[in-house]
Protein backbone atom coordinates (compact mmCIF):
# COMPACT_ATOMS: atom_id res chain seq x y z
CA MET A 1 -27.09 -17.27 1.83
CA LYS A 2 -28.22 -13.92 3.33
CA THR A 3 -25.33 -11.40 3.24
CA ARG A 4 -24.33 -10.06 6.75
CA PRO A 5 -22.57 -6.94 5.98
CA ASN A 6 -21.20 -6.24 9.43
CA LEU A 7 -19.53 -9.68 9.55
CA VAL A 8 -18.19 -8.83 6.04
CA LEU A 9 -16.83 -5.49 7.38
CA LEU A 10 -15.35 -7.32 10.33
CA ALA A 11 -13.63 -9.78 7.79
CA ALA A 12 -12.60 -7.11 5.57
CA SER A 13 -11.18 -4.91 8.49
CA LEU A 14 -9.09 -8.03 9.75
CA GLY A 15 -7.89 -8.41 6.33
CA VAL A 16 -6.31 -4.95 6.17
CA LEU A 17 -5.12 -5.03 9.65
CA ILE A 18 -3.24 -8.24 8.99
CA ALA A 19 -1.49 -6.78 6.01
CA GLN A 20 -0.66 -3.10 7.49
CA ILE A 21 0.31 -4.38 10.99
CA ASP A 22 3.20 -6.43 9.38
CA THR A 23 4.05 -3.63 7.30
CA SER A 24 4.42 -1.19 10.09
CA VAL A 25 6.28 -3.56 12.35
CA VAL A 26 8.68 -4.68 9.62
CA ASN A 27 9.57 -0.96 8.84
CA LEU A 28 9.99 -0.53 12.72
CA ALA A 29 12.46 -3.48 13.08
CA VAL A 30 14.28 -2.86 9.92
CA LYS A 31 17.49 -1.70 11.91
CA PRO A 32 17.50 -4.41 14.34
CA ILE A 33 16.87 -7.10 11.64
CA ALA A 34 19.78 -5.80 9.49
CA ALA A 35 22.08 -5.77 12.47
CA ASP A 36 21.28 -9.42 13.39
CA LEU A 37 21.60 -10.62 9.82
CA GLY A 38 24.29 -8.32 8.66
CA SER A 39 22.39 -6.44 6.07
CA SER A 40 23.22 -3.41 4.12
CA VAL A 41 20.79 -0.69 3.42
CA SER A 42 20.05 -1.88 -0.12
CA ALA A 43 19.10 -5.16 1.52
CA MET A 44 17.03 -3.48 4.20
CA GLN A 45 15.26 -1.84 1.29
CA TRP A 46 14.64 -5.27 -0.05
CA MET A 47 12.99 -6.35 3.07
CA ILE A 48 10.16 -3.92 2.34
CA ASP A 49 10.33 -4.08 -1.50
CA ALA A 50 10.35 -7.98 -1.72
CA TYR A 51 6.77 -7.84 -0.22
CA ASN A 52 5.91 -4.61 -2.30
CA LEU A 53 7.09 -6.04 -5.38
CA VAL A 54 5.30 -9.47 -5.38
CA TYR A 55 2.30 -7.50 -4.18
CA ALA A 56 2.24 -5.00 -6.91
CA ALA A 57 3.39 -7.64 -9.56
CA LEU A 58 0.43 -9.76 -8.93
CA LEU A 59 -2.38 -7.74 -7.75
CA LEU A 60 -3.95 -7.62 -11.38
CA THR A 61 -4.02 -11.39 -11.69
CA ALA A 62 -5.57 -11.55 -7.98
CA GLY A 63 -8.32 -9.18 -9.37
CA ALA A 64 -9.00 -11.68 -12.10
CA LEU A 65 -8.77 -14.72 -10.04
CA GLY A 66 -11.61 -13.23 -7.88
CA ASP A 67 -13.65 -12.55 -10.60
CA LEU A 68 -13.16 -15.96 -12.27
CA TYR A 69 -13.18 -18.27 -9.26
CA GLY A 70 -14.74 -16.44 -6.19
CA ARG A 71 -13.83 -13.29 -4.31
CA ARG A 72 -14.43 -15.21 -1.01
CA ARG A 73 -12.34 -18.00 -2.05
CA VAL A 74 -9.33 -16.01 -3.00
CA PHE A 75 -9.67 -13.66 0.03
CA ILE A 76 -9.32 -16.79 2.37
CA THR A 77 -6.38 -18.25 0.01
CA GLY A 78 -4.71 -14.89 0.46
CA VAL A 79 -4.87 -14.82 4.35
CA ALA A 80 -3.75 -18.44 4.57
CA LEU A 81 -0.48 -17.62 2.42
CA PHE A 82 0.36 -14.41 4.48
CA ALA A 83 0.20 -16.45 7.77
CA ALA A 84 2.56 -19.14 5.98
CA GLY A 85 5.04 -16.32 4.81
CA SER A 86 4.92 -15.03 8.39
CA VAL A 87 6.13 -18.10 9.89
CA LEU A 88 8.86 -18.55 7.20
CA CYS A 89 10.08 -14.82 8.20
CA ALA A 90 10.02 -15.68 11.81
CA ILE A 91 12.31 -18.77 11.39
CA ALA A 92 14.54 -17.29 8.68
CA PRO A 93 18.13 -18.11 9.45
CA ASP A 94 19.29 -15.65 7.02
CA THR A 95 18.57 -12.50 4.64
CA ALA A 96 17.51 -14.68 1.56
CA LEU A 97 14.85 -16.99 3.50
CA LEU A 98 13.59 -13.80 5.11
CA LEU A 99 13.23 -12.32 1.61
CA ALA A 100 11.44 -15.50 0.33
CA GLY A 101 9.13 -15.28 3.32
CA ARG A 102 8.58 -11.20 2.58
CA ALA A 103 7.61 -12.41 -1.08
CA LEU A 104 5.15 -15.08 0.29
CA GLN A 105 3.58 -12.35 2.53
CA GLY A 106 3.50 -10.07 -0.54
CA LEU A 107 1.56 -13.09 -2.47
CA GLY A 108 -1.01 -13.50 0.27
CA ALA A 109 -1.67 -9.62 0.48
CA ALA A 110 -2.32 -9.33 -3.20
CA LEU A 111 -4.89 -11.84 -2.74
CA GLU A 112 -6.66 -10.93 0.25
CA VAL A 113 -6.60 -7.04 0.45
CA PRO A 114 -8.07 -6.28 -2.94
CA MET A 115 -10.84 -8.71 -2.34
CA SER A 116 -11.56 -7.11 0.90
CA LEU A 117 -12.27 -4.18 -0.90
CA VAL A 118 -14.51 -6.06 -3.25
CA LEU A 119 -16.14 -7.91 -0.65
CA LEU A 120 -17.17 -4.76 0.88
CA SER A 121 -18.48 -3.09 -2.16
CA LEU A 122 -20.57 -6.24 -2.60
CA ALA A 123 -21.96 -6.39 0.80
CA PHE A 124 -22.63 -2.39 0.94
CA PRO A 125 -24.42 -1.51 -2.47
CA GLU A 126 -26.00 1.81 -1.26
CA PRO A 127 -23.32 4.67 -1.99
CA LYS A 128 -23.54 6.32 1.61
CA ALA A 129 -23.31 3.12 3.58
CA ARG A 130 -20.56 2.03 1.30
CA GLN A 131 -18.73 5.36 1.98
CA ARG A 132 -19.05 4.92 5.91
CA ALA A 133 -17.90 1.20 5.64
CA LEU A 134 -14.87 2.27 3.43
CA GLY A 135 -14.32 4.82 6.31
CA VAL A 136 -14.09 1.97 8.82
CA TRP A 137 -11.97 -0.16 6.64
CA ALA A 138 -9.67 2.73 6.06
CA SER A 139 -9.45 3.47 9.78
CA CYS A 140 -8.04 -0.03 10.35
CA ASN A 141 -4.92 1.25 8.46
CA GLY A 142 -4.47 3.81 11.25
CA LEU A 143 -5.31 1.22 13.95
CA ALA A 144 -2.45 -1.07 12.50
CA PHE A 145 0.08 1.71 12.66
CA ILE A 146 -0.91 2.23 16.51
CA VAL A 147 -0.83 -1.48 17.64
CA GLY A 148 2.14 -2.42 15.28
CA PRO A 149 4.85 0.08 16.18
CA THR A 150 3.72 0.00 20.12
CA LEU A 151 3.04 -3.74 20.69
CA GLY A 152 5.63 -4.64 17.77
CA GLY A 153 8.32 -2.25 19.65
CA VAL A 154 7.77 -4.05 22.85
CA LEU A 155 8.29 -7.59 21.29
CA VAL A 156 11.44 -6.55 19.49
CA ASP A 157 12.94 -5.11 22.71
CA ALA A 158 11.63 -7.83 24.87
CA ILE A 159 11.92 -11.02 22.91
CA GLY A 160 13.62 -10.25 19.70
CA TRP A 161 12.58 -9.18 16.13
CA ARG A 162 11.48 -12.80 15.13
CA SER A 163 8.53 -12.41 17.63
CA ILE A 164 7.01 -9.82 15.18
CA PHE A 165 6.27 -12.10 12.68
CA TYR A 166 3.92 -14.13 14.89
CA LEU A 167 1.64 -10.93 15.62
CA ILE A 168 -0.83 -11.33 12.91
CA LEU A 169 -1.31 -14.97 13.04
CA PRO A 170 -4.19 -14.79 15.82
CA LEU A 171 -6.07 -12.52 13.34
CA CYS A 172 -5.99 -15.03 10.28
CA VAL A 173 -8.55 -17.48 11.53
CA PRO A 174 -11.28 -15.21 12.34
CA ALA A 175 -10.97 -13.11 9.29
CA ALA A 176 -11.57 -16.31 7.26
CA LEU A 177 -14.35 -17.42 9.34
CA PHE A 178 -16.33 -14.21 9.53
CA VAL A 179 -16.14 -13.94 5.67
CA ARG A 180 -17.44 -17.63 5.24
CA LYS A 181 -20.34 -16.67 7.54
CA GLY A 182 -20.96 -13.17 6.10
CA MET A 183 -21.71 -13.59 2.57
CA ALA A 184 -22.26 -15.92 -0.23
CA GLU A 185 -19.39 -16.77 -2.96
CA SER A 186 -19.61 -14.37 -5.74
CA SER A 187 -17.89 -14.25 -9.08
CA ALA A 188 -18.26 -12.86 -12.62
CA PRO A 189 -16.41 -15.57 -15.05
CA ALA A 190 -18.36 -14.69 -18.30
CA GLY A 191 -15.86 -13.97 -21.09
CA ARG A 192 -12.99 -14.11 -18.73
CA ARG A 193 -9.73 -16.06 -18.55
CA LEU A 194 -6.28 -15.57 -17.00
CA ASP A 195 -4.01 -13.43 -19.07
CA VAL A 196 -0.30 -15.21 -18.58
CA PRO A 197 1.56 -13.24 -21.18
CA GLY A 198 0.21 -10.04 -19.82
CA GLN A 199 1.13 -11.01 -16.07
CA LEU A 200 4.77 -12.00 -17.14
CA ALA A 201 5.17 -8.86 -18.76
CA ALA A 202 3.86 -6.79 -15.69
CA ILE A 203 6.19 -8.80 -13.45
CA ALA A 204 9.22 -8.11 -15.58
CA ALA A 205 8.48 -4.40 -15.99
CA LEU A 206 8.12 -3.89 -12.14
CA GLY A 207 10.78 -6.30 -11.11
CA GLY A 208 13.43 -4.58 -13.46
CA LEU A 209 12.33 -1.06 -12.29
CA ALA A 210 12.55 -2.04 -8.54
CA PHE A 211 15.95 -3.60 -9.04
CA ALA A 212 17.42 -0.74 -10.76
CA ALA A 213 15.98 1.83 -8.30
CA ILE A 214 17.35 -0.09 -5.30
CA GLU A 215 20.58 -1.15 -6.34
CA GLY A 216 21.47 1.78 -8.52
CA ALA A 217 22.67 3.81 -5.45
CA HIS A 218 24.63 0.55 -4.38
CA LEU A 219 26.08 -0.87 -7.39
CA GLY A 220 26.37 2.40 -9.54
CA TRP A 221 23.96 3.83 -12.14
CA SER A 222 26.15 2.72 -14.98
CA SER A 223 26.37 -0.81 -13.67
CA PRO A 224 25.65 -3.50 -16.25
CA LEU A 225 23.25 -5.28 -13.81
CA VAL A 226 21.51 -1.92 -13.21
CA LEU A 227 21.27 -0.84 -16.97
CA GLY A 228 20.16 -4.48 -17.69
CA ALA A 229 17.43 -4.23 -15.06
CA ALA A 230 16.18 -0.84 -16.55
CA ALA A 231 16.24 -2.34 -20.14
CA ILE A 232 14.40 -5.37 -18.86
CA ALA A 233 11.79 -2.73 -17.08
CA ALA A 234 11.29 -0.94 -20.36
CA ALA A 235 10.85 -3.99 -22.33
CA GLY A 236 8.30 -5.45 -20.02
CA ALA A 237 6.28 -2.10 -20.09
CA ALA A 238 6.11 -2.12 -23.66
CA ALA A 239 5.37 -5.95 -24.00
CA PHE A 240 2.58 -5.31 -21.27
CA PHE A 241 0.84 -2.57 -23.36
CA ALA A 242 1.23 -4.30 -26.52
CA VAL A 243 -0.43 -7.64 -25.08
CA GLU A 244 -3.15 -5.90 -23.37
CA ARG A 245 -4.42 -3.72 -25.87
CA ARG A 246 -4.61 -6.75 -28.39
CA SER A 247 -6.20 -9.03 -25.98
CA ALA A 248 -10.35 -9.02 -25.28
CA ASN A 249 -9.55 -10.77 -21.92
CA GLY A 250 -6.51 -8.90 -20.64
CA LEU A 251 -5.44 -8.08 -17.15
CA VAL A 252 -6.28 -4.40 -17.80
CA PRO A 253 -9.76 -3.55 -19.41
CA PHE A 254 -8.53 -0.30 -20.89
CA GLU A 255 -12.35 0.85 -21.16
CA LEU A 256 -12.05 1.53 -17.38
CA PHE A 257 -9.80 4.51 -18.19
CA ARG A 258 -12.41 6.14 -20.15
CA SER A 259 -13.47 7.54 -16.80
CA ALA A 260 -11.32 10.26 -15.74
CA PRO A 261 -12.27 9.82 -11.85
CA PHE A 262 -11.14 6.44 -12.16
CA SER A 263 -7.95 7.14 -13.65
CA ALA A 264 -7.21 9.99 -11.29
CA SER A 265 -7.86 7.83 -8.16
CA LEU A 266 -5.19 5.40 -9.34
CA ALA A 267 -2.90 8.29 -9.76
CA ILE A 268 -3.58 9.78 -6.51
CA ALA A 269 -3.30 6.32 -4.72
CA ALA A 270 -0.01 6.00 -6.13
CA LEU A 271 1.39 9.31 -5.11
CA MET A 272 0.05 9.00 -1.44
CA THR A 273 1.80 5.59 -1.06
CA PHE A 274 4.85 6.89 -3.00
CA THR A 275 5.71 9.36 -0.19
CA MET A 276 4.07 7.55 2.85
CA TYR A 277 5.90 4.21 2.35
CA ALA A 278 9.22 5.90 2.19
CA LEU A 279 8.40 8.17 5.30
CA ILE A 280 7.49 5.04 7.54
CA PHE A 281 10.76 3.54 6.12
CA LEU A 282 12.97 6.35 6.53
CA MET A 283 12.17 8.10 9.64
CA PRO A 284 12.03 5.29 12.06
CA LEU A 285 15.68 4.49 10.72
CA SER A 286 16.85 8.39 11.26
CA PHE A 287 15.30 8.12 14.82
CA GLN A 288 17.42 5.13 15.61
CA VAL A 289 20.73 6.36 13.94
CA LEU A 290 20.36 9.81 15.21
CA ARG A 291 18.95 9.85 18.58
CA GLY A 292 19.71 6.33 19.55
CA ASP A 293 16.08 5.35 20.00
CA SER A 294 15.09 1.88 20.72
CA PRO A 295 12.44 0.30 18.14
CA ILE A 296 9.69 1.07 20.80
CA VAL A 297 10.67 4.53 21.28
CA ALA A 298 11.15 5.14 17.51
CA GLY A 299 7.52 3.53 17.20
CA LEU A 300 5.96 5.84 19.76
CA ARG A 301 7.46 8.71 18.13
CA MET A 302 5.19 7.90 15.11
CA LEU A 303 1.91 7.62 17.10
CA PRO A 304 0.64 11.04 16.15
CA MET A 305 0.30 10.22 12.84
CA SER A 306 -1.41 6.80 13.70
CA VAL A 307 -3.90 8.07 15.88
CA ALA A 308 -4.75 11.14 13.89
CA PHE A 309 -5.18 8.88 10.90
CA PHE A 310 -7.37 6.44 12.87
CA LEU A 311 -9.52 9.07 14.36
CA VAL A 312 -9.97 10.83 11.10
CA SER A 313 -10.80 7.69 9.14
CA GLN A 314 -13.63 6.88 11.45
CA LYS A 315 -15.47 10.03 10.30
CA SER A 316 -14.21 10.29 6.65
CA GLY A 317 -17.76 9.38 5.35
CA ARG A 318 -19.18 12.05 7.12
CA ILE A 319 -16.67 14.48 6.13
CA VAL A 320 -17.03 13.51 2.54
CA GLU A 321 -20.75 14.07 2.73
CA ALA A 322 -20.21 17.48 4.08
CA ILE A 323 -17.38 18.72 1.67
CA GLY A 324 -17.32 16.55 -1.08
CA ALA A 325 -14.75 13.98 -2.37
CA ARG A 326 -12.79 16.54 -4.27
CA ALA A 327 -11.98 18.63 -1.34
CA ALA A 328 -11.24 15.65 1.06
CA LEU A 329 -8.76 14.03 -1.35
CA ALA A 330 -7.15 17.53 -2.34
CA GLY A 331 -6.92 18.63 1.19
CA GLY A 332 -5.74 15.19 2.61
CA MET A 333 -2.70 14.97 -0.13
CA ALA A 334 -1.77 18.59 0.76
CA LEU A 335 -1.94 18.07 4.44
CA ILE A 336 0.27 14.74 3.85
CA GLY A 337 2.97 16.82 2.00
CA ALA A 338 3.03 19.65 4.47
CA GLY A 339 3.42 17.07 7.40
CA GLN A 340 6.07 15.01 5.82
CA LEU A 341 7.92 18.21 5.00
CA LEU A 342 7.52 19.54 8.67
CA ALA A 343 8.65 16.28 10.31
CA GLY A 344 11.66 15.59 7.82
CA PHE A 345 13.11 19.26 8.22
CA ALA A 346 12.77 19.14 11.97
CA PRO A 347 15.94 19.92 13.87
CA ALA A 348 18.14 16.78 14.79
CA GLY A 349 18.33 17.45 18.25
CA ALA A 350 15.66 17.24 21.24
CA GLY A 351 14.06 20.63 20.37
CA GLY A 352 12.84 19.25 17.13
CA ALA A 353 10.43 16.64 18.63
CA TRP A 354 7.54 18.89 18.59
CA GLN A 355 8.01 19.45 15.19
CA VAL A 356 8.12 15.86 14.41
CA ALA A 357 5.20 15.03 16.28
CA LEU A 358 3.10 17.96 14.68
CA GLY A 359 4.25 16.69 11.07
CA PHE A 360 3.30 13.18 11.59
CA ALA A 361 -0.22 14.23 13.31
CA LEU A 362 -0.82 16.52 9.94
CA ALA A 363 0.25 13.55 7.97
CA GLY A 364 -2.08 11.20 9.54
CA VAL A 365 -5.15 13.73 9.28
CA GLY A 366 -4.14 13.87 5.41
CA LEU A 367 -4.35 9.90 5.36
CA GLY A 368 -7.43 9.75 7.24
CA LEU A 369 -9.05 12.15 4.81
CA GLY A 370 -7.74 10.65 1.79
CA THR A 371 -7.83 6.88 1.96
CA ALA A 372 -11.57 6.07 2.01
CA PRO A 373 -12.47 8.56 -0.80
CA VAL A 374 -9.75 7.40 -3.29
CA ASN A 375 -11.03 3.80 -2.82
CA ASN A 376 -14.63 4.86 -3.45
CA ALA A 377 -13.81 7.10 -6.36
CA ALA A 378 -12.14 3.88 -7.99
CA MET A 379 -14.76 1.42 -7.03
CA SER A 380 -17.94 3.74 -7.76
CA ASN A 381 -16.66 4.52 -11.17
CA ALA A 382 -16.06 0.82 -12.56
CA PRO A 383 -18.72 -1.61 -13.48
CA LYS A 384 -20.02 -4.12 -11.15
CA GLU A 385 -18.89 -7.18 -13.21
CA ARG A 386 -15.48 -5.67 -13.06
CA SER A 387 -15.21 -5.15 -9.22
CA GLY A 388 -12.29 -7.39 -8.78
CA THR A 389 -10.28 -6.06 -11.87
CA ALA A 390 -11.04 -2.32 -10.52
CA SER A 391 -9.94 -3.29 -7.14
CA GLY A 392 -6.80 -4.83 -8.50
CA LEU A 393 -6.00 -1.96 -10.53
CA LEU A 394 -6.18 0.54 -7.41
CA ASN A 395 -4.26 -1.59 -5.36
CA THR A 396 -1.68 -2.14 -8.04
CA ALA A 397 -1.42 1.67 -8.33
CA ARG A 398 -1.03 1.75 -4.72
CA MET A 399 1.48 -0.72 -4.40
CA ILE A 400 3.54 0.61 -7.50
CA GLY A 401 3.67 3.85 -5.68
CA ALA A 402 4.93 2.15 -2.51
CA THR A 403 7.58 0.02 -4.27
CA LEU A 404 8.79 3.15 -6.08
CA GLY A 405 8.84 5.44 -3.05
CA VAL A 406 10.98 3.17 -1.16
CA ALA A 407 13.42 2.21 -3.86
CA ILE A 408 13.55 5.81 -5.16
CA LEU A 409 13.63 7.75 -2.14
CA GLY A 410 15.39 5.28 -0.49
CA ALA A 411 18.10 5.49 -3.09
CA VAL A 412 18.37 9.36 -2.64
CA PHE A 413 18.77 8.88 1.09
CA ALA A 414 21.52 6.15 0.45
CA HIS A 415 23.26 8.52 -1.83
CA PHE A 416 23.87 10.89 1.11
CA ALA A 417 23.84 8.38 4.31
CA GLY A 418 25.60 5.70 2.50
CA GLN A 419 24.87 1.80 2.67
CA GLU A 420 25.55 1.77 6.17
CA ALA A 421 23.34 4.95 7.15
CA ALA A 422 26.05 7.05 8.60
CA ALA A 423 25.03 9.30 11.01
CA GLN A 424 26.51 12.56 9.34
CA GLY A 425 24.59 11.93 6.06
CA VAL A 426 21.21 10.92 7.50
CA VAL A 427 19.83 14.65 7.82
CA PRO A 428 20.62 15.63 4.23
CA GLY A 429 19.38 12.13 2.88
CA LEU A 430 16.09 12.54 4.71
CA ARG A 431 15.47 16.06 3.64
CA ALA A 432 16.55 15.37 0.07
CA ALA A 433 14.09 12.12 -0.07
CA LEU A 434 11.20 13.78 1.57
CA SER A 435 11.27 16.98 -0.48
CA ILE A 436 10.96 14.92 -3.52
CA GLY A 437 8.13 12.84 -1.87
CA GLY A 438 6.36 16.29 -0.98
CA VAL A 439 6.60 17.23 -4.49
CA GLY A 440 4.61 14.18 -5.11
CA THR A 441 1.71 14.62 -2.69
CA PHE A 442 0.94 18.33 -3.96
CA ALA A 443 0.88 16.94 -7.36
CA GLY A 444 -1.83 14.58 -6.26
CA ALA A 445 -3.51 17.31 -4.72
CA VAL A 446 -3.60 19.22 -8.12
CA VAL A 447 -4.94 15.98 -9.88
CA ALA A 448 -7.74 15.61 -7.21
CA LEU A 449 -8.78 19.16 -7.73
CA LEU A 450 -8.71 18.78 -11.67
CA PHE A 451 -10.38 15.42 -11.99
CA ILE A 452 -12.29 14.13 -8.96
CA PRO A 453 -15.88 15.27 -8.73
CA SER A 454 -17.54 16.20 -5.56
CA THR A 455 -20.50 14.03 -6.37
CA SER A 456 -20.79 10.25 -6.51
CA GLY A 457 -19.89 8.55 -9.73
CA HIS A 458 -23.15 7.30 -10.15
CA ALA A 459 -23.98 8.90 -13.45
CA ILE A 460 -20.21 8.01 -15.03
CA LEU A 461 -21.20 4.28 -13.57
CA GLN A 462 -24.22 4.20 -15.36
CA GLY A 463 -22.64 5.53 -18.68
CA MET A 464 -19.92 2.95 -18.53
CA SER A 465 -22.28 0.08 -18.09
CA ALA A 466 -24.44 1.09 -21.02
CA SER A 467 -21.27 1.40 -23.15
CA SER A 468 -20.23 -2.06 -22.03
CA SER A 469 -23.54 -3.54 -22.78
CA LYS A 470 -23.46 -2.13 -26.41
CA GLU A 471 -20.15 -3.85 -26.70
């Protein structure tokens, strides 16, 4: 079957739209959902992190499944599971079933989002074409944050929050059809098998860490449940590294980390989402509490970030060609940090609206500059036969950052604002949380300057492939 790159690009773009539209809408609708279901701030955090946690914990296995059983098959399965989880969220009568639906969505996203990146890398083998295709793929994140808050806000106001979970369903069928028509099945099963002990250890580590971070502010940091979760996280992490180092077919092939650009790209991706997911969780909440905004108005306030992200992502391939990946990534991370601090420290009254808009615009430009280059840096510095695993690692790093950002920065926010998000505590809570997030993004800029080359990873990739063949 002849590969049709444009169809693959369409399918991959729809795949990321499905996941990101849902994320942007759910962040916007957290307050109405909580009011309807009687949820606390920690429960609101779990509406985000039930998805993020399952997504992060299963990404590595999803990458291995793609390499073993077929990247196209795993992508289509993920889209189907995401659709099923969306329907479950839409009909949920209580918080528990809603969280179950969010977890099922996370499972679907864990399968389809990293596979979309792998499919693009296979369909566009030439570096410049791949960089430009990744720019289009990345711009769909920005498009999702335009469509989600605007259309989602209208739906929440006009019909109710349940309607937002039907929003992505019309995208699921064409995503599956385009990838079936666009390329043949691909896999690399030689010498591979699923690593069940490693997966269980990863779930324990991530689950324990997220629970401790989210519930610490609610139950108390000395609570036996919180301390027990932290102990489980530490034990899970130790077991994971012990299992993976002994296994020849583990979830994480440690030889990938011999490449400094690959390792740096994972760190940058995690730091990027650490602050951005907290920003898009906390800012709409603050708008609705402090300014009395409706969901649609809160969404419109975030449009400068979404539009800037979309427009800059469209040109990111050419920008990287002109200034190099190092400058694009370092500049992007610095702009994200500056933008979120500008927005977070804006005056609470009407006079701060322009500062919020400018801060969001700067953060959007930074995201647009950095998203495609960090993906390309990771994928171009991994052997082709490990593309599924490399994409899984990259997206795991991204979602670990997102999970910890919502958990840790949400806990900082809740320390000041309380579980009911009292108005008098929102401003100090927001500023404290986003100050910590800013430190993370500026650290990411430093990592990019130190470890990301301005040229492509072709020479490093050749060296890694030669090393792998010798082994």
